Amino acid sequence: MLLGILNFILDDAEARTVARRLLEPLAPGSFLVLTHPTTEPELGGDLQLEAMEFWNTNAKPPVTARSSKEIGQYFNGLTLLAPGLVSCSLWRPVPGDEPMVVPQLGAVAQKH
């Protein structure tokens, strides 16, 4: 489970390496559960950038957001479960509710 973890690794290549290193020894059938802040404008990424700027000015360690394409790379070679890589608020929403979309992407994927 990498929930709000990889955003503390600022270098994109290093973050992918860490994720791969953790997945490598896992048995087939294992799952990766991951959430990560995003910069996607349609998900409110502009507000995320403001929040990150505040965090990085006032707290440690610094954080970064990534695009959906960059976050999607953590799942290369894995099978994404429905609904895929989406705003965390859209993962298993309450039927009949219309959740507010948040600038945090999440997904669950299975290793084969």
PDB file of N, CA and C in Angstrom:
ATOM      1  N   MET A   1       0.843  -1.167   0.000  1.00  0.00           N
ATOM      2  CA  MET A   1       0.000   0.000   0.000  1.00  0.00           C
ATOM      3  C   MET A   1       0.892   1.235   0.000  1.00  0.00           C
ATOM      4  N   LEU A   2       0.735   2.039  -1.020  1.00  0.00           N
ATOM      5  CA  LEU A   2       1.484   3.287  -1.131  1.00  0.00           C
ATOM      6  C   LEU A   2       0.468   4.435  -1.160  1.00  0.00           C
ATOM      7  N   LEU A   3      -0.102   4.694  -0.010  1.00  0.00           N
ATOM      8  CA  LEU A   3      -1.146   5.709   0.117  1.00  0.00           C
ATOM      9  C   LEU A   3      -0.514   7.007   0.592  1.00  0.00           C
ATOM     10  N   GLY A   4      -0.395   7.964  -0.340  1.00  0.00           N
ATOM     11  CA  GLY A   4       0.202   9.251   0.013  1.00  0.00           C
ATOM     12  C   GLY A   4       1.670   9.134   0.370  1.00  0.00           C
ATOM     13  N   ILE A   5       2.395   8.265  -0.295  1.00  0.00           N
ATOM     14  CA  ILE A   5       3.809   8.025   0.011  1.00  0.00           C
ATOM     15  C   ILE A   5       4.728   8.573  -1.080  1.00  0.00           C
ATOM     16  N   LEU A   6       4.438   8.220  -2.330  1.00  0.00           N
ATOM     17  CA  LEU A   6       5.368   8.559  -3.414  1.00  0.00           C
ATOM     18  C   LEU A   6       5.434  10.049  -3.697  1.00  0.00           C
ATOM     19  N   ASN A   7       4.458  10.817  -3.239  1.00  0.00           N
ATOM     20  CA  ASN A   7       4.511  12.273  -3.433  1.00  0.00           C
ATOM     21  C   ASN A   7       5.617  12.911  -2.597  1.00  0.00           C
ATOM     22  N   PHE A   8       6.207  12.163  -1.647  1.00  0.00           N
ATOM     23  CA  PHE A   8       7.334  12.667  -0.862  1.00  0.00           C
ATOM     24  C   PHE A   8       8.671  12.371  -1.538  1.00  0.00           C
ATOM     25  N   ILE A   9       8.647  11.649  -2.645  1.00  0.00           N
ATOM     26  CA  ILE A   9       9.864  11.396  -3.433  1.00  0.00           C
ATOM     27  C   ILE A   9       9.778  12.317  -4.644  1.00  0.00           C
ATOM     28  N   LEU A  10      10.557  13.390  -4.632  1.00  0.00           N
ATOM     29  CA  LEU A  10      10.406  14.446  -5.634  1.00  0.00           C
ATOM     30  C   LEU A  10      10.864  14.038  -7.023  1.00  0.00           C
ATOM     31  N   ASP A  11      11.881  13.208  -7.112  1.00  0.00           N
ATOM     32  CA  ASP A  11      12.408  12.788  -8.413  1.00  0.00           C
ATOM     33  C   ASP A  11      11.517  11.691  -9.003  1.00  0.00           C
ATOM     34  N   ASP A  12      10.992  11.932 -10.213  1.00  0.00           N
ATOM     35  CA  ASP A  12      10.071  10.981 -10.840  1.00  0.00           C
ATOM     36  C   ASP A  12      10.693   9.603 -11.034  1.00  0.00           C
ATOM     37  N   ALA A  13      11.900   9.550 -11.559  1.00  0.00           N
ATOM     38  CA  ALA A  13      12.564   8.268 -11.815  1.00  0.00           C
ATOM     39  C   ALA A  13      12.810   7.513 -10.515  1.00  0.00           C
ATOM     40  N   GLU A  14      13.211   8.219  -9.485  1.00  0.00           N
ATOM     41  CA  GLU A  14      13.458   7.574  -8.189  1.00  0.00           C
ATOM     42  C   GLU A  14      12.154   7.017  -7.605  1.00  0.00           C
ATOM     43  N   ALA A  15      11.072   7.764  -7.726  1.00  0.00           N
ATOM     44  CA  ALA A  15       9.777   7.295  -7.216  1.00  0.00           C
ATOM     45  C   ALA A  15       9.349   6.019  -7.942  1.00  0.00           C
ATOM     46  N   ARG A  16       9.515   5.971  -9.268  1.00  0.00           N
ATOM     47  CA  ARG A  16       9.181   4.753 -10.022  1.00  0.00           C
ATOM     48  C   ARG A  16      10.067   3.587  -9.596  1.00  0.00           C
ATOM     49  N   THR A  17      11.352   3.861  -9.353  1.00  0.00           N
ATOM     50  CA  THR A  17      12.284   2.817  -8.920  1.00  0.00           C
ATOM     51  C   THR A  17      11.873   2.259  -7.560  1.00  0.00           C
ATOM     52  N   VAL A  18      11.503   3.119  -6.645  1.00  0.00           N
ATOM     53  CA  VAL A  18      11.074   2.675  -5.321  1.00  0.00           C
ATOM     54  C   VAL A  18       9.833   1.787  -5.446  1.00  0.00           C
ATOM     55  N   ALA A  19       8.857   2.214  -6.229  1.00  0.00           N
ATOM     56  CA  ALA A  19       7.632   1.424  -6.400  1.00  0.00           C
ATOM     57  C   ALA A  19       7.950   0.057  -6.995  1.00  0.00           C
ATOM     58  N   ARG A  20       8.789   0.019  -8.021  1.00  0.00           N
ATOM     59  CA  ARG A  20       9.167  -1.257  -8.664  1.00  0.00           C
ATOM     60  C   ARG A  20       9.924  -2.156  -7.690  1.00  0.00           C
ATOM     61  N   ARG A  21      10.806  -1.567  -6.911  1.00  0.00           N
ATOM     62  CA  ARG A  21      11.588  -2.347  -5.948  1.00  0.00           C
ATOM     63  C   ARG A  21      10.674  -2.997  -4.906  1.00  0.00           C
ATOM     64  N   LEU A  22       9.628  -2.292  -4.503  1.00  0.00           N
ATOM     65  CA  LEU A  22       8.690  -2.849  -3.538  1.00  0.00           C
ATOM     66  C   LEU A  22       7.800  -3.923  -4.157  1.00  0.00           C
ATOM     67  N   LEU A  23       7.452  -3.775  -5.429  1.00  0.00           N
ATOM     68  CA  LEU A  23       6.586  -4.739  -6.108  1.00  0.00           C
ATOM     69  C   LEU A  23       7.322  -6.017  -6.506  1.00  0.00           C
ATOM     70  N   GLU A  24       8.581  -5.876  -6.828  1.00  0.00           N
ATOM     71  CA  GLU A  24       9.354  -6.991  -7.386  1.00  0.00           C
ATOM     72  C   GLU A  24       9.245  -8.291  -6.582  1.00  0.00           C
ATOM     73  N   PRO A  25       9.451  -8.280  -5.269  1.00  0.00           N
ATOM     74  CA  PRO A  25       9.434  -9.552  -4.533  1.00  0.00           C
ATOM     75  C   PRO A  25       8.029 -10.098  -4.237  1.00  0.00           C
ATOM     76  N   LEU A  26       6.977  -9.339  -4.546  1.00  0.00           N
ATOM     77  CA  LEU A  26       5.630  -9.785  -4.233  1.00  0.00           C
ATOM     78  C   LEU A  26       5.207 -10.927  -5.148  1.00  0.00           C
ATOM     79  N   ALA A  27       4.437 -11.840  -4.608  1.00  0.00           N
ATOM     80  CA  ALA A  27       3.956 -12.996  -5.358  1.00  0.00           C
ATOM     81  C   ALA A  27       2.909 -12.570  -6.380  1.00  0.00           C
ATOM     82  N   PRO A  28       2.807 -13.316  -7.490  1.00  0.00           N
ATOM     83  CA  PRO A  28       1.706 -13.068  -8.422  1.00  0.00           C
ATOM     84  C   PRO A  28       0.375 -13.160  -7.676  1.00  0.00           C
ATOM     85  N   GLY A  29      -0.545 -12.286  -8.040  1.00  0.00           N
ATOM     86  CA  GLY A  29      -1.824 -12.213  -7.349  1.00  0.00           C
ATOM     87  C   GLY A  29      -1.849 -11.139  -6.285  1.00  0.00           C
ATOM     88  N   SER A  30      -0.673 -10.600  -5.941  1.00  0.00           N
ATOM     89  CA  SER A  30      -0.591  -9.507  -4.976  1.00  0.00           C
ATOM     90  C   SER A  30      -1.154  -8.231  -5.595  1.00  0.00           C
ATOM     91  N   PHE A  31      -1.467  -7.277  -4.735  1.00  0.00           N
ATOM     92  CA  PHE A  31      -2.064  -6.026  -5.191  1.00  0.00           C
ATOM     93  C   PHE A  31      -1.201  -4.826  -4.825  1.00  0.00           C
ATOM     94  N   LEU A  32      -1.261  -3.813  -5.679  1.00  0.00           N
ATOM     95  CA  LEU A  32      -0.705  -2.500  -5.379  1.00  0.00           C
ATOM     96  C   LEU A  32      -1.885  -1.561  -5.193  1.00  0.00           C
ATOM     97  N   VAL A  33      -1.934  -0.883  -4.049  1.00  0.00           N
ATOM     98  CA  VAL A  33      -2.940   0.144  -3.777  1.00  0.00           C
ATOM     99  C   VAL A  33      -2.158   1.441  -3.643  1.00  0.00           C
ATOM    100  N   LEU A  34      -2.524   2.438  -4.449  1.00  0.00           N
ATOM    101  CA  LEU A  34      -1.729   3.655  -4.512  1.00  0.00           C
ATOM    102  C   LEU A  34      -2.630   4.874  -4.613  1.00  0.00           C
ATOM    103  N   THR A  35      -2.287   5.919  -3.873  1.00  0.00           N
ATOM    104  CA  THR A  35      -2.915   7.234  -4.043  1.00  0.00           C
ATOM    105  C   THR A  35      -1.799   8.257  -4.204  1.00  0.00           C
ATOM    106  N   HIS A  36      -2.113   9.309  -4.953  1.00  0.00           N
ATOM    107  CA  HIS A  36      -1.093  10.326  -5.225  1.00  0.00           C
ATOM    108  C   HIS A  36      -1.786  11.621  -5.628  1.00  0.00           C
ATOM    109  N   PRO A  37      -1.339  12.778  -5.101  1.00  0.00           N
ATOM    110  CA  PRO A  37      -1.907  14.051  -5.553  1.00  0.00           C
ATOM    111  C   PRO A  37      -1.585  14.284  -7.023  1.00  0.00           C
ATOM    112  N   THR A  38      -2.506  14.939  -7.701  1.00  0.00           N
ATOM    113  CA  THR A  38      -2.333  15.168  -9.128  1.00  0.00           C
ATOM    114  C   THR A  38      -2.391  16.654  -9.478  1.00  0.00           C
ATOM    115  N   THR A  39      -1.848  16.952 -10.635  1.00  0.00           N
ATOM    116  CA  THR A  39      -1.855  18.315 -11.162  1.00  0.00           C
ATOM    117  C   THR A  39      -2.932  18.498 -12.232  1.00  0.00           C
ATOM    118  N   GLU A  40      -3.756  17.477 -12.457  1.00  0.00           N
ATOM    119  CA  GLU A  40      -4.760  17.552 -13.521  1.00  0.00           C
ATOM    120  C   GLU A  40      -5.739  18.700 -13.261  1.00  0.00           C
ATOM    121  N   PRO A  41      -5.818  19.655 -14.190  1.00  0.00           N
ATOM    122  CA  PRO A  41      -6.682  20.829 -13.982  1.00  0.00           C
ATOM    123  C   PRO A  41      -8.160  20.469 -13.789  1.00  0.00           C
ATOM    124  N   GLU A  42      -8.655  19.451 -14.513  1.00  0.00           N
ATOM    125  CA  GLU A  42     -10.071  19.099 -14.403  1.00  0.00           C
ATOM    126  C   GLU A  42     -10.422  18.476 -13.046  1.00  0.00           C
ATOM    127  N   LEU A  43      -9.391  18.131 -12.280  1.00  0.00           N
ATOM    128  CA  LEU A  43      -9.617  17.586 -10.929  1.00  0.00           C
ATOM    129  C   LEU A  43      -9.286  18.607  -9.840  1.00  0.00           C
ATOM    130  N   GLY A  44      -9.049  19.844 -10.235  1.00  0.00           N
ATOM    131  CA  GLY A  44      -8.712  20.878  -9.262  1.00  0.00           C
ATOM    132  C   GLY A  44      -7.228  20.935  -8.947  1.00  0.00           C
ATOM    133  N   GLY A  45      -6.413  20.480  -9.894  1.00  0.00           N
ATOM    134  CA  GLY A  45      -4.966  20.461  -9.691  1.00  0.00           C
ATOM    135  C   GLY A  45      -4.372  21.814  -9.389  1.00  0.00           C
ATOM    136  N   ASP A  46      -5.019  22.893  -9.858  1.00  0.00           N
ATOM    137  CA  ASP A  46      -4.517  24.231  -9.557  1.00  0.00           C
ATOM    138  C   ASP A  46      -4.607  24.514  -8.054  1.00  0.00           C
ATOM    139  N   LEU A  47      -5.670  24.034  -7.419  1.00  0.00           N
ATOM    140  CA  LEU A  47      -5.788  24.189  -5.963  1.00  0.00           C
ATOM    141  C   LEU A  47      -4.764  23.310  -5.253  1.00  0.00           C
ATOM    142  N   GLN A  48      -4.486  22.159  -5.826  1.00  0.00           N
ATOM    143  CA  GLN A  48      -3.483  21.257  -5.263  1.00  0.00           C
ATOM    144  C   GLN A  48      -2.113  21.941  -5.266  1.00  0.00           C
ATOM    145  N   LEU A  49      -1.797  22.644  -6.348  1.00  0.00           N
ATOM    146  CA  LEU A  49      -0.510  23.333  -6.431  1.00  0.00           C
ATOM    147  C   LEU A  49      -0.392  24.392  -5.341  1.00  0.00           C
ATOM    148  N   GLU A  50      -1.495  25.117  -5.087  1.00  0.00           N
ATOM    149  CA  GLU A  50      -1.492  26.112  -4.006  1.00  0.00           C
ATOM    150  C   GLU A  50      -1.267  25.439  -2.650  1.00  0.00           C
ATOM    151  N   ALA A  51      -1.941  24.332  -2.412  1.00  0.00           N
ATOM    152  CA  ALA A  51      -1.793  23.616  -1.136  1.00  0.00           C
ATOM    153  C   ALA A  51      -0.376  23.082  -0.972  1.00  0.00           C
ATOM    154  N   MET A  52       0.198  22.570  -2.050  1.00  0.00           N
ATOM    155  CA  MET A  52       1.571  22.055  -1.983  1.00  0.00           C
ATOM    156  C   MET A  52       2.567  23.167  -1.739  1.00  0.00           C
ATOM    157  N   GLU A  53       2.337  24.315  -2.347  1.00  0.00           N
ATOM    158  CA  GLU A  53       3.228  25.447  -2.117  1.00  0.00           C
ATOM    159  C   GLU A  53       3.205  25.843  -0.643  1.00  0.00           C
ATOM    160  N   PHE A  54       2.006  25.874  -0.053  1.00  0.00           N
ATOM    161  CA  PHE A  54       1.887  26.186   1.371  1.00  0.00           C
ATOM    162  C   PHE A  54       2.620  25.138   2.207  1.00  0.00           C
ATOM    163  N   TRP A  55       2.392  23.857   1.900  1.00  0.00           N
ATOM    164  CA  TRP A  55       3.057  22.763   2.631  1.00  0.00           C
ATOM    165  C   TRP A  55       4.571  22.904   2.515  1.00  0.00           C
ATOM    166  N   ASN A  56       5.058  23.068   1.294  1.00  0.00           N
ATOM    167  CA  ASN A  56       6.506  23.099   1.071  1.00  0.00           C
ATOM    168  C   ASN A  56       7.170  24.311   1.717  1.00  0.00           C
ATOM    169  N   THR A  57       6.415  25.377   1.948  1.00  0.00           N
ATOM    170  CA  THR A  57       6.935  26.555   2.633  1.00  0.00           C
ATOM    171  C   THR A  57       6.952  26.362   4.144  1.00  0.00           C
ATOM    172  N   ASN A  58       5.982  25.596   4.653  1.00  0.00           N
ATOM    173  CA  ASN A  58       5.772  25.530   6.098  1.00  0.00           C
ATOM    174  C   ASN A  58       6.027  24.171   6.746  1.00  0.00           C
ATOM    175  N   ALA A  59       6.333  23.156   5.971  1.00  0.00           N
ATOM    176  CA  ALA A  59       6.478  21.813   6.549  1.00  0.00           C
ATOM    177  C   ALA A  59       7.588  21.042   5.835  1.00  0.00           C
ATOM    178  N   LYS A  60       7.947  19.927   6.402  1.00  0.00           N
ATOM    179  CA  LYS A  60       8.961  19.033   5.841  1.00  0.00           C
ATOM    180  C   LYS A  60       8.425  17.618   5.915  1.00  0.00           C
ATOM    181  N   PRO A  61       8.806  16.740   5.056  1.00  0.00           N
ATOM    182  CA  PRO A  61       9.567  16.935   3.834  1.00  0.00           C
ATOM    183  C   PRO A  61       8.686  17.527   2.742  1.00  0.00           C
ATOM    184  N   PRO A  62       9.299  18.051   1.694  1.00  0.00           N
ATOM    185  CA  PRO A  62       8.521  18.628   0.603  1.00  0.00           C
ATOM    186  C   PRO A  62       7.727  17.550  -0.142  1.00  0.00           C
ATOM    187  N   VAL A  63       6.671  17.982  -0.827  1.00  0.00           N
ATOM    188  CA  VAL A  63       5.820  17.079  -1.593  1.00  0.00           C
ATOM    189  C   VAL A  63       5.737  17.550  -3.039  1.00  0.00           C
ATOM    190  N   THR A  64       5.294  16.647  -3.898  1.00  0.00           N
ATOM    191  CA  THR A  64       5.067  16.984  -5.296  1.00  0.00           C
ATOM    192  C   THR A  64       3.802  16.297  -5.774  1.00  0.00           C
ATOM    193  N   ALA A  65       3.174  16.878  -6.774  1.00  0.00           N
ATOM    194  CA  ALA A  65       2.034  16.246  -7.439  1.00  0.00           C
ATOM    195  C   ALA A  65       2.509  15.782  -8.815  1.00  0.00           C
ATOM    196  N   ARG A  66       1.785  14.844  -9.387  1.00  0.00           N
ATOM    197  CA  ARG A  66       2.140  14.329 -10.709  1.00  0.00           C
ATOM    198  C   ARG A  66       0.888  14.242 -11.573  1.00  0.00           C
ATOM    199  N   SER A  67       1.108  14.188 -12.873  1.00  0.00           N
ATOM    200  CA  SER A  67       0.000  14.053 -13.820  1.00  0.00           C
ATOM    201  C   SER A  67      -0.533  12.621 -13.770  1.00  0.00           C
ATOM    202  N   SER A  68      -1.718  12.432 -14.315  1.00  0.00           N
ATOM    203  CA  SER A  68      -2.280  11.077 -14.361  1.00  0.00           C
ATOM    204  C   SER A  68      -1.393  10.146 -15.190  1.00  0.00           C
ATOM    205  N   LYS A  69      -0.773  10.676 -16.224  1.00  0.00           N
ATOM    206  CA  LYS A  69       0.138   9.857 -17.043  1.00  0.00           C
ATOM    207  C   LYS A  69       1.335   9.399 -16.200  1.00  0.00           C
ATOM    208  N   GLU A  70       1.903  10.307 -15.422  1.00  0.00           N
ATOM    209  CA  GLU A  70       3.049   9.959 -14.571  1.00  0.00           C
ATOM    210  C   GLU A  70       2.649   8.957 -13.490  1.00  0.00           C
ATOM    211  N   ILE A  71       1.493   9.161 -12.874  1.00  0.00           N
ATOM    212  CA  ILE A  71       1.020   8.253 -11.832  1.00  0.00           C
ATOM    213  C   ILE A  71       0.691   6.893 -12.437  1.00  0.00           C
ATOM    214  N   GLY A  72       0.127   6.908 -13.623  1.00  0.00           N
ATOM    215  CA  GLY A  72      -0.210   5.653 -14.301  1.00  0.00           C
ATOM    216  C   GLY A  72       0.993   4.758 -14.538  1.00  0.00           C
ATOM    217  N   GLN A  73       2.187   5.334 -14.643  1.00  0.00           N
ATOM    218  CA  GLN A  73       3.394   4.541 -14.880  1.00  0.00           C
ATOM    219  C   GLN A  73       3.705   3.601 -13.717  1.00  0.00           C
ATOM    220  N   TYR A  74       3.229   3.910 -12.520  1.00  0.00           N
ATOM    221  CA  TYR A  74       3.460   3.011 -11.383  1.00  0.00           C
ATOM    222  C   TYR A  74       2.751   1.670 -11.587  1.00  0.00           C
ATOM    223  N   PHE A  75       1.756   1.644 -12.458  1.00  0.00           N
ATOM    224  CA  PHE A  75       0.953   0.446 -12.682  1.00  0.00           C
ATOM    225  C   PHE A  75       1.362  -0.332 -13.937  1.00  0.00           C
ATOM    226  N   ASN A  76       2.444   0.079 -14.589  1.00  0.00           N
ATOM    227  CA  ASN A  76       2.903  -0.634 -15.780  1.00  0.00           C
ATOM    228  C   ASN A  76       3.138  -2.110 -15.463  1.00  0.00           C
ATOM    229  N   GLY A  77       2.595  -2.987 -16.304  1.00  0.00           N
ATOM    230  CA  GLY A  77       2.766  -4.420 -16.114  1.00  0.00           C
ATOM    231  C   GLY A  77       1.783  -5.034 -15.134  1.00  0.00           C
ATOM    232  N   LEU A  78       0.885  -4.223 -14.569  1.00  0.00           N
ATOM    233  CA  LEU A  78      -0.121  -4.707 -13.629  1.00  0.00           C
ATOM    234  C   LEU A  78      -1.502  -4.561 -14.263  1.00  0.00           C
ATOM    235  N   THR A  79      -2.483  -5.237 -13.719  1.00  0.00           N
ATOM    236  CA  THR A  79      -3.855  -5.122 -14.208  1.00  0.00           C
ATOM    237  C   THR A  79      -4.644  -4.241 -13.253  1.00  0.00           C
ATOM    238  N   LEU A  80      -5.100  -3.080 -13.764  1.00  0.00           N
ATOM    239  CA  LEU A  80      -5.901  -2.160 -12.956  1.00  0.00           C
ATOM    240  C   LEU A  80      -7.286  -2.738 -12.713  1.00  0.00           C
ATOM    241  N   LEU A  81      -7.767  -2.625 -11.501  1.00  0.00           N
ATOM    242  CA  LEU A  81      -9.136  -3.008 -11.180  1.00  0.00           C
ATOM    243  C   LEU A  81     -10.048  -1.818 -11.460  1.00  0.00           C
ATOM    244  N   ALA A  82     -11.301  -2.096 -11.788  1.00  0.00           N
ATOM    245  CA  ALA A  82     -12.280  -1.041 -12.035  1.00  0.00           C
ATOM    246  C   ALA A  82     -12.484  -0.248 -10.738  1.00  0.00           C
ATOM    247  N   PRO A  83     -12.593   1.055 -10.811  1.00  0.00           N
ATOM    248  CA  PRO A  83     -12.787   1.877 -11.997  1.00  0.00           C
ATOM    249  C   PRO A  83     -11.486   2.410 -12.612  1.00  0.00           C
ATOM    250  N   GLY A  84     -10.346   1.863 -12.238  1.00  0.00           N
ATOM    251  CA  GLY A  84      -9.075   2.316 -12.801  1.00  0.00           C
ATOM    252  C   GLY A  84      -8.463   3.431 -11.980  1.00  0.00           C
ATOM    253  N   LEU A  85      -7.620   4.219 -12.643  1.00  0.00           N
ATOM    254  CA  LEU A  85      -6.956   5.351 -11.989  1.00  0.00           C
ATOM    255  C   LEU A  85      -7.887   6.555 -12.080  1.00  0.00           C
ATOM    256  N   VAL A  86      -8.507   6.894 -10.962  1.00  0.00           N
ATOM    257  CA  VAL A  86      -9.507   7.967 -10.928  1.00  0.00           C
ATOM    258  C   VAL A  86      -9.324   8.795  -9.654  1.00  0.00           C
ATOM    259  N   SER A  87     -10.019   9.915  -9.603  1.00  0.00           N
ATOM    260  CA  SER A  87     -10.058  10.707  -8.377  1.00  0.00           C
ATOM    261  C   SER A  87     -10.480   9.783  -7.235  1.00  0.00           C
ATOM    262  N   CYS A  88      -9.789   9.867  -6.112  1.00  0.00           N
ATOM    263  CA  CYS A  88     -10.081   8.969  -4.977  1.00  0.00           C
ATOM    264  C   CYS A  88     -11.542   9.014  -4.560  1.00  0.00           C
ATOM    265  N   SER A  89     -12.182  10.155  -4.741  1.00  0.00           N
ATOM    266  CA  SER A  89     -13.585  10.274  -4.352  1.00  0.00           C
ATOM    267  C   SER A  89     -14.509   9.454  -5.253  1.00  0.00           C
ATOM    268  N   LEU A  90     -14.008   9.004  -6.393  1.00  0.00           N
ATOM    269  CA  LEU A  90     -14.808   8.209  -7.325  1.00  0.00           C
ATOM    270  C   LEU A  90     -14.595   6.713  -7.146  1.00  0.00           C
ATOM    271  N   TRP A  91     -13.731   6.348  -6.215  1.00  0.00           N
ATOM    272  CA  TRP A  91     -13.505   4.929  -5.934  1.00  0.00           C
ATOM    273  C   TRP A  91     -14.581   4.473  -4.972  1.00  0.00           C
ATOM    274  N   ARG A  92     -15.438   3.621  -5.433  1.00  0.00           N
ATOM    275  CA  ARG A  92     -16.520   3.040  -4.622  1.00  0.00           C
ATOM    276  C   ARG A  92     -17.403   4.102  -3.966  1.00  0.00           C
ATOM    277  N   PRO A  93     -17.945   5.052  -4.760  1.00  0.00           N
ATOM    278  CA  PRO A  93     -18.827   6.072  -4.168  1.00  0.00           C
ATOM    279  C   PRO A  93     -20.137   5.437  -3.699  1.00  0.00           C
ATOM    280  N   VAL A  94     -20.814   6.103  -2.806  1.00  0.00           N
ATOM    281  CA  VAL A  94     -22.110   5.645  -2.312  1.00  0.00           C
ATOM    282  C   VAL A  94     -23.108   5.751  -3.469  1.00  0.00           C
ATOM    283  N   PRO A  95     -23.820   4.671  -3.787  1.00  0.00           N
ATOM    284  CA  PRO A  95     -24.802   4.738  -4.876  1.00  0.00           C
ATOM    285  C   PRO A  95     -25.803   5.870  -4.656  1.00  0.00           C
ATOM    286  N   GLY A  96     -26.031   6.628  -5.715  1.00  0.00           N
ATOM    287  CA  GLY A  96     -26.972   7.747  -5.639  1.00  0.00           C
ATOM    288  C   GLY A  96     -26.326   9.059  -5.250  1.00  0.00           C
ATOM    289  N   ASP A  97     -25.159   9.021  -4.631  1.00  0.00           N
ATOM    290  CA  ASP A  97     -24.446  10.249  -4.274  1.00  0.00           C
ATOM    291  C   ASP A  97     -23.623  10.716  -5.464  1.00  0.00           C
ATOM    292  N   GLU A  98     -23.435  12.013  -5.561  1.00  0.00           N
ATOM    293  CA  GLU A  98     -22.546  12.559  -6.574  1.00  0.00           C
ATOM    294  C   GLU A  98     -21.339  13.139  -5.846  1.00  0.00           C
ATOM    295  N   PRO A  99     -20.245  12.348  -5.765  1.00  0.00           N
ATOM    296  CA  PRO A  99     -19.086  12.796  -4.986  1.00  0.00           C
ATOM    297  C   PRO A  99     -18.379  13.980  -5.642  1.00  0.00           C
ATOM    298  N   MET A 100     -17.807  14.842  -4.789  1.00  0.00           N
ATOM    299  CA  MET A 100     -16.991  15.936  -5.289  1.00  0.00           C
ATOM    300  C   MET A 100     -15.644  15.355  -5.724  1.00  0.00           C
ATOM    301  N   VAL A 101     -15.220  15.704  -6.913  1.00  0.00           N
ATOM    302  CA  VAL A 101     -13.946  15.220  -7.425  1.00  0.00           C
ATOM    303  C   VAL A 101     -12.817  15.942  -6.705  1.00  0.00           C
ATOM    304  N   VAL A 102     -11.797  15.194  -6.284  1.00  0.00           N
ATOM    305  CA  VAL A 102     -10.659  15.760  -5.561  1.00  0.00           C
ATOM    306  C   VAL A 102      -9.381  15.542  -6.365  1.00  0.00           C
ATOM    307  N   PRO A 103      -8.365  16.419  -6.201  1.00  0.00           N
ATOM    308  CA  PRO A 103      -7.123  16.297  -6.973  1.00  0.00           C
ATOM    309  C   PRO A 103      -6.161  15.263  -6.379  1.00  0.00           C
ATOM    310  N   GLN A 104      -6.696  14.103  -6.117  1.00  0.00           N
ATOM    311  CA  GLN A 104      -5.918  12.982  -5.575  1.00  0.00           C
ATOM    312  C   GLN A 104      -6.365  11.757  -6.345  1.00  0.00           C
ATOM    313  N   LEU A 105      -5.434  11.119  -7.067  1.00  0.00           N
ATOM    314  CA  LEU A 105      -5.777   9.938  -7.843  1.00  0.00           C
ATOM    315  C   LEU A 105      -5.475   8.682  -7.052  1.00  0.00           C
ATOM    316  N   GLY A 106      -6.258   7.655  -7.305  1.00  0.00           N
ATOM    317  CA  GLY A 106      -6.030   6.387  -6.642  1.00  0.00           C
ATOM    318  C   GLY A 106      -6.409   5.237  -7.547  1.00  0.00           C
ATOM    319  N   ALA A 107      -5.801   4.082  -7.277  1.00  0.00           N
ATOM    320  CA  ALA A 107      -6.111   2.872  -8.035  1.00  0.00           C
ATOM    321  C   ALA A 107      -5.645   1.654  -7.249  1.00  0.00           C
ATOM    322  N   VAL A 108      -6.208   0.515  -7.657  1.00  0.00           N
ATOM    323  CA  VAL A 108      -5.774  -0.789  -7.158  1.00  0.00           C
ATOM    324  C   VAL A 108      -5.459  -1.615  -8.393  1.00  0.00           C
ATOM    325  N   ALA A 109      -4.327  -2.314  -8.359  1.00  0.00           N
ATOM    326  CA  ALA A 109      -3.919  -3.141  -9.495  1.00  0.00           C
ATOM    327  C   ALA A 109      -3.353  -4.450  -8.969  1.00  0.00           C
ATOM    328  N   GLN A 110      -3.469  -5.484  -9.804  1.00  0.00           N
ATOM    329  CA  GLN A 110      -2.997  -6.814  -9.433  1.00  0.00           C
ATOM    330  C   GLN A 110      -1.771  -7.198 -10.245  1.00  0.00           C
ATOM    331  N   LYS A 111      -0.836  -7.815  -9.547  1.00  0.00           N
ATOM    332  CA  LYS A 111       0.386  -8.323 -10.177  1.00  0.00           C
ATOM    333  C   LYS A 111       0.102  -9.724 -10.714  1.00  0.00           C
ATOM    334  N   HIS A 112       0.642 -10.013 -11.901  1.00  0.00           N
ATOM    335  CA  HIS A 112       0.470 -11.349 -12.494  1.00  0.00           C
ATOM    336  C   HIS A 112       1.768 -12.080 -12.590  1.00  0.00           C
TER     337      HIS A 112
END
